[in-house]
């Protein structure tokens, strides 16, 4: 797979919930990695790619992101469906909230990336 990411992603392996417009019940997922430009998630359900055009990602009551994304790649592993998503809709406020969340709850990742020379986590 050709990796064309502009920003490094933080590997957080964090449980979260996906909510979609027509879905009554949120779907549990694991956010394996994330950045302000996209993320990799895994879940036990097989979803149509189109549902990611408008969804809410909830880590906890203090961090809910309203996003739009396109599926860049997808694969099945054991009982999981894994999606590589590129955000095509994320506000600057949500980018800032995401960076604050990573800084607060995953500080060691920022230090690791800083030593690797990743400028995107310093802002």
Protein backbone atom coordinates (compact mmCIF):
# COMPACT_ATOMS: atom_id res chain seq x y z
CA UNK A 1 0.00 0.00 0.00
CA UNK A 2 1.31 3.41 -1.00
CA UNK A 3 1.25 5.73 2.03
CA UNK A 4 0.50 9.34 0.96
CA UNK A 5 -0.35 10.86 4.32
CA UNK A 6 0.62 14.45 4.94
CA UNK A 7 0.40 14.14 8.75
CA UNK A 8 1.52 11.22 10.90
CA UNK A 9 -1.25 9.42 12.70
CA UNK A 10 -1.22 8.74 16.41
CA UNK A 11 -1.76 5.06 17.27
CA UNK A 12 -4.26 5.26 20.11
CA UNK A 13 -6.31 2.01 19.93
CA UNK A 14 -9.18 3.78 21.70
CA UNK A 15 -12.77 2.56 21.99
CA UNK A 16 -15.32 4.95 20.49
CA UNK A 17 -18.84 5.11 19.08
CA UNK A 18 -19.95 5.85 15.52
CA UNK A 19 -23.36 7.45 14.96
CA UNK A 20 -24.97 7.85 11.56
CA UNK A 21 -27.99 9.89 10.44
CA UNK A 22 -30.33 6.97 9.84
CA UNK A 23 -28.99 4.72 12.59
CA UNK A 24 -30.87 4.55 15.86
CA UNK A 25 -28.13 2.92 17.91
CA UNK A 26 -24.43 3.95 17.91
CA UNK A 27 -21.94 1.35 16.69
CA UNK A 28 -18.93 0.45 18.82
CA UNK A 29 -15.55 0.69 17.12
CA UNK A 30 -11.86 0.96 17.89
CA UNK A 31 -9.96 3.95 16.57
CA UNK A 32 -6.62 2.34 15.86
CA UNK A 33 -4.93 5.52 14.68
CA UNK A 34 -6.00 9.08 13.97
CA UNK A 35 -4.77 12.47 12.78
CA UNK A 36 -6.50 15.68 11.71
CA UNK A 37 -6.55 14.28 8.15
CA UNK A 38 -7.95 10.78 8.73
CA UNK A 39 -8.10 7.61 10.77
CA UNK A 40 -8.11 3.83 10.77
CA UNK A 41 -11.00 2.17 12.57
CA UNK A 42 -12.07 -1.41 13.15
CA UNK A 43 -15.52 -2.70 13.96
CA UNK A 44 -17.54 -5.90 13.89
CA UNK A 45 -19.99 -4.63 11.28
CA UNK A 46 -19.71 -4.34 7.54
CA UNK A 47 -20.83 -0.85 6.47
CA UNK A 48 -21.45 0.79 3.11
CA UNK A 49 -18.72 3.28 2.28
CA UNK A 50 -21.31 6.04 1.82
CA UNK A 51 -22.27 6.12 5.52
CA UNK A 52 -18.95 7.77 6.32
CA UNK A 53 -19.89 10.89 4.33
CA UNK A 54 -21.65 12.21 7.45
CA UNK A 55 -21.10 10.68 10.90
CA UNK A 56 -20.32 11.46 14.51
CA UNK A 57 -17.34 9.96 16.32
CA UNK A 58 -17.66 9.94 20.10
CA UNK A 59 -14.72 9.11 22.35
CA UNK A 60 -16.38 10.30 25.54
CA UNK A 61 -19.07 12.87 26.42
CA UNK A 62 -16.43 15.63 26.25
CA UNK A 63 -15.21 14.75 22.74
CA UNK A 64 -17.68 14.29 19.92
CA UNK A 65 -16.58 15.05 16.37
CA UNK A 66 -18.97 15.60 13.46
CA UNK A 67 -17.06 14.37 10.44
CA UNK A 68 -17.22 13.50 6.80
CA UNK A 69 -14.81 11.04 5.25
CA UNK A 70 -14.17 8.88 2.26
CA UNK A 71 -13.08 5.27 2.53
CA UNK A 72 -9.58 5.04 1.07
CA UNK A 73 -9.12 1.34 1.72
CA UNK A 74 -10.87 -1.47 3.50
CA UNK A 75 -10.02 -5.01 4.62
CA UNK A 76 -11.37 -7.85 6.69
CA UNK A 77 -9.30 -9.42 9.46
CA UNK A 78 -10.78 -12.28 11.41
CA UNK A 79 -14.12 -10.92 12.67
CA UNK A 80 -13.26 -7.24 12.12
CA UNK A 81 -13.81 -4.85 9.25
CA UNK A 82 -11.02 -2.29 9.08
CA UNK A 83 -11.48 1.03 7.28
CA UNK A 84 -8.89 3.61 6.30
CA UNK A 85 -10.69 6.95 6.19
CA UNK A 86 -9.56 10.32 4.82
CA UNK A 87 -11.51 13.23 6.28
CA UNK A 88 -13.12 15.49 3.72
CA UNK A 89 -15.03 17.45 6.37
CA UNK A 90 -13.50 18.38 9.73
CA UNK A 91 -13.64 21.88 11.19
CA UNK A 92 -10.65 23.71 12.61
CA UNK A 93 -12.36 23.61 16.02
CA UNK A 94 -12.62 19.81 15.81
CA UNK A 95 -8.96 19.55 14.74
CA UNK A 96 -8.04 21.60 17.80
CA UNK A 97 -10.22 19.43 20.07
CA UNK A 98 -8.58 16.31 18.66
CA UNK A 99 -5.08 17.68 19.24
CA UNK A 100 -6.01 18.66 22.82
CA UNK A 101 -7.42 15.16 23.42
CA UNK A 102 -4.23 13.54 22.12
CA UNK A 103 -2.07 15.95 24.11
CA UNK A 104 -4.01 15.34 27.33
CA UNK A 105 -4.66 11.58 27.14
CA UNK A 106 -1.77 10.35 24.98
CA UNK A 107 1.10 12.65 25.90
CA UNK A 108 3.72 9.90 25.40
CA UNK A 109 2.77 9.67 21.72
CA UNK A 110 3.45 13.36 21.23
CA UNK A 111 6.87 13.06 22.85
CA UNK A 112 7.65 10.05 20.65
CA UNK A 113 6.61 11.89 17.47
CA UNK A 114 8.44 15.03 18.53
CA UNK A 115 11.68 13.07 18.80
CA UNK A 116 10.91 11.51 15.40
CA UNK A 117 10.75 15.05 13.99
CA UNK A 118 6.98 15.30 13.45
CA UNK A 119 6.22 19.03 13.28
CA UNK A 120 2.42 18.48 13.22
CA UNK A 121 2.20 17.72 16.95
CA UNK A 122 4.05 20.79 18.17
CA UNK A 123 1.37 23.34 17.33
